[in-house]
C-alpha cells in the first residue's frame, strides 16, 4: 500500500488477508557512503 499515512496503511493492512497484499522490496548494493544519501528516507523492516 502506498499513498496514505502509515497509520492509514496499518489500518487497511489489518482489513485484508495476506494473500491479497502486494509486497515491494528494494535492494541496494555498493559503498555505504553512496547508498546512504539515496536510502536515508526509506523505512526499513527490522
N, C-alpha and C. Protein backbone atom coordinates (compact mmCIF):
# COMPACT_ATOMS: atom_id res chain seq x y z
N UNK A 1 0.84 -1.18 0.00
CA UNK A 1 0.00 0.00 0.00
C UNK A 1 0.87 1.23 0.00
N UNK A 2 0.48 2.17 -0.75
CA UNK A 2 1.21 3.43 -0.79
C UNK A 2 0.22 4.58 -0.91
N UNK A 3 0.67 5.77 -0.57
CA UNK A 3 -0.16 6.94 -0.78
C UNK A 3 -0.82 7.52 0.45
N UNK A 4 -0.94 6.75 1.52
CA UNK A 4 -1.58 7.25 2.73
C UNK A 4 -0.53 7.40 3.83
N UNK A 5 -0.97 7.90 4.99
CA UNK A 5 -0.07 7.94 6.14
C UNK A 5 0.17 6.52 6.63
N UNK A 6 1.21 6.33 7.42
CA UNK A 6 1.50 4.98 7.90
C UNK A 6 0.37 4.44 8.78
N UNK A 7 -0.31 5.30 9.51
CA UNK A 7 -1.42 4.85 10.35
C UNK A 7 -2.58 4.33 9.50
N UNK A 8 -2.88 5.04 8.42
CA UNK A 8 -3.94 4.60 7.50
C UNK A 8 -3.54 3.30 6.80
N UNK A 9 -2.27 3.17 6.45
CA UNK A 9 -1.78 1.95 5.82
C UNK A 9 -1.89 0.77 6.77
N UNK A 10 -1.57 0.97 8.04
CA UNK A 10 -1.68 -0.11 9.02
C UNK A 10 -3.12 -0.57 9.18
N UNK A 11 -4.06 0.36 9.24
CA UNK A 11 -5.47 0.00 9.38
C UNK A 11 -5.97 -0.77 8.16
N UNK A 12 -5.60 -0.31 6.95
CA UNK A 12 -6.01 -1.00 5.73
C UNK A 12 -5.39 -2.40 5.67
N UNK A 13 -4.15 -2.52 6.10
CA UNK A 13 -3.47 -3.82 6.08
C UNK A 13 -4.18 -4.81 6.99
N UNK A 14 -4.67 -4.35 8.12
CA UNK A 14 -5.38 -5.23 9.05
C UNK A 14 -6.69 -5.76 8.47
N UNK A 15 -7.26 -5.04 7.50
CA UNK A 15 -8.57 -5.41 6.95
C UNK A 15 -8.50 -6.39 5.78
N UNK A 16 -7.30 -6.64 5.24
CA UNK A 16 -7.21 -7.56 4.10
C UNK A 16 -6.30 -8.74 4.43
N UNK A 17 -6.53 -9.85 3.76
CA UNK A 17 -5.74 -11.05 4.04
C UNK A 17 -4.34 -10.93 3.46
N UNK A 18 -3.45 -11.78 3.95
CA UNK A 18 -2.08 -11.80 3.47
C UNK A 18 -2.02 -12.09 1.97
N UNK A 19 -2.88 -12.96 1.50
CA UNK A 19 -2.88 -13.32 0.07
C UNK A 19 -3.24 -12.14 -0.83
N UNK A 20 -4.01 -11.21 -0.31
CA UNK A 20 -4.45 -10.05 -1.10
C UNK A 20 -3.45 -8.89 -1.10
N UNK A 21 -2.44 -8.97 -0.24
CA UNK A 21 -1.47 -7.89 -0.11
C UNK A 21 -0.39 -8.00 -1.18
N UNK A 22 0.10 -6.85 -1.62
CA UNK A 22 1.23 -6.77 -2.56
C UNK A 22 2.46 -6.36 -1.76
N UNK A 23 3.57 -7.04 -2.02
CA UNK A 23 4.81 -6.74 -1.32
C UNK A 23 5.81 -6.12 -2.29
N UNK A 24 6.54 -5.12 -1.81
CA UNK A 24 7.56 -4.44 -2.59
C UNK A 24 8.89 -4.56 -1.86
N UNK A 25 9.95 -4.66 -2.60
CA UNK A 25 11.28 -4.70 -2.00
C UNK A 25 12.28 -3.95 -2.85
N UNK A 26 13.29 -3.45 -2.19
CA UNK A 26 14.37 -2.73 -2.89
C UNK A 26 15.69 -3.27 -2.38
N UNK A 27 16.60 -3.50 -3.28
CA UNK A 27 17.95 -3.93 -2.92
C UNK A 27 18.93 -2.88 -3.41
N UNK A 28 19.81 -2.46 -2.53
CA UNK A 28 20.85 -1.51 -2.91
C UNK A 28 22.18 -2.11 -2.50
N UNK A 29 23.12 -2.16 -3.43
CA UNK A 29 24.42 -2.75 -3.18
C UNK A 29 25.48 -1.75 -3.61
N UNK A 30 26.43 -1.51 -2.75
CA UNK A 30 27.51 -0.59 -3.10
C UNK A 30 28.16 -0.02 -1.86
N UNK A 31 28.96 1.00 -2.08
CA UNK A 31 29.64 1.65 -0.97
C UNK A 31 28.63 2.39 -0.11
N UNK A 32 28.73 2.21 1.20
CA UNK A 32 27.76 2.77 2.14
C UNK A 32 27.67 4.30 2.00
N UNK A 33 28.77 4.95 1.70
CA UNK A 33 28.77 6.41 1.56
C UNK A 33 27.93 6.87 0.37
N UNK A 34 27.79 6.02 -0.64
CA UNK A 34 26.99 6.36 -1.81
C UNK A 34 25.53 5.92 -1.66
N UNK A 35 25.31 4.85 -0.90
CA UNK A 35 23.96 4.30 -0.72
C UNK A 35 23.15 5.10 0.30
N UNK A 36 23.76 5.48 1.42
CA UNK A 36 23.04 6.17 2.49
C UNK A 36 22.29 7.42 2.04
N UNK A 37 22.88 8.32 1.26
CA UNK A 37 22.13 9.51 0.85
C UNK A 37 20.88 9.18 0.01
N UNK A 38 20.91 8.07 -0.69
CA UNK A 38 19.78 7.68 -1.54
C UNK A 38 18.68 7.03 -0.70
N UNK A 39 19.06 6.26 0.32
CA UNK A 39 18.08 5.44 1.05
C UNK A 39 17.71 5.98 2.43
N UNK A 40 18.24 7.10 2.84
CA UNK A 40 18.02 7.54 4.22
C UNK A 40 16.55 7.81 4.55
N UNK A 41 15.72 8.10 3.56
CA UNK A 41 14.30 8.37 3.82
C UNK A 41 13.43 7.14 3.74
N UNK A 42 13.98 5.99 3.38
CA UNK A 42 13.20 4.77 3.24
C UNK A 42 13.07 4.06 4.58
N UNK A 43 11.90 3.56 4.88
CA UNK A 43 11.68 2.78 6.09
C UNK A 43 12.31 1.41 5.92
N UNK A 44 12.82 0.87 7.01
CA UNK A 44 13.41 -0.46 6.99
C UNK A 44 12.62 -1.38 7.88
N UNK A 45 12.50 -2.63 7.46
CA UNK A 45 11.88 -3.64 8.30
C UNK A 45 12.96 -4.21 9.19
N UNK A 46 12.75 -4.17 10.48
CA UNK A 46 13.75 -4.68 11.42
C UNK A 46 13.17 -5.81 12.22
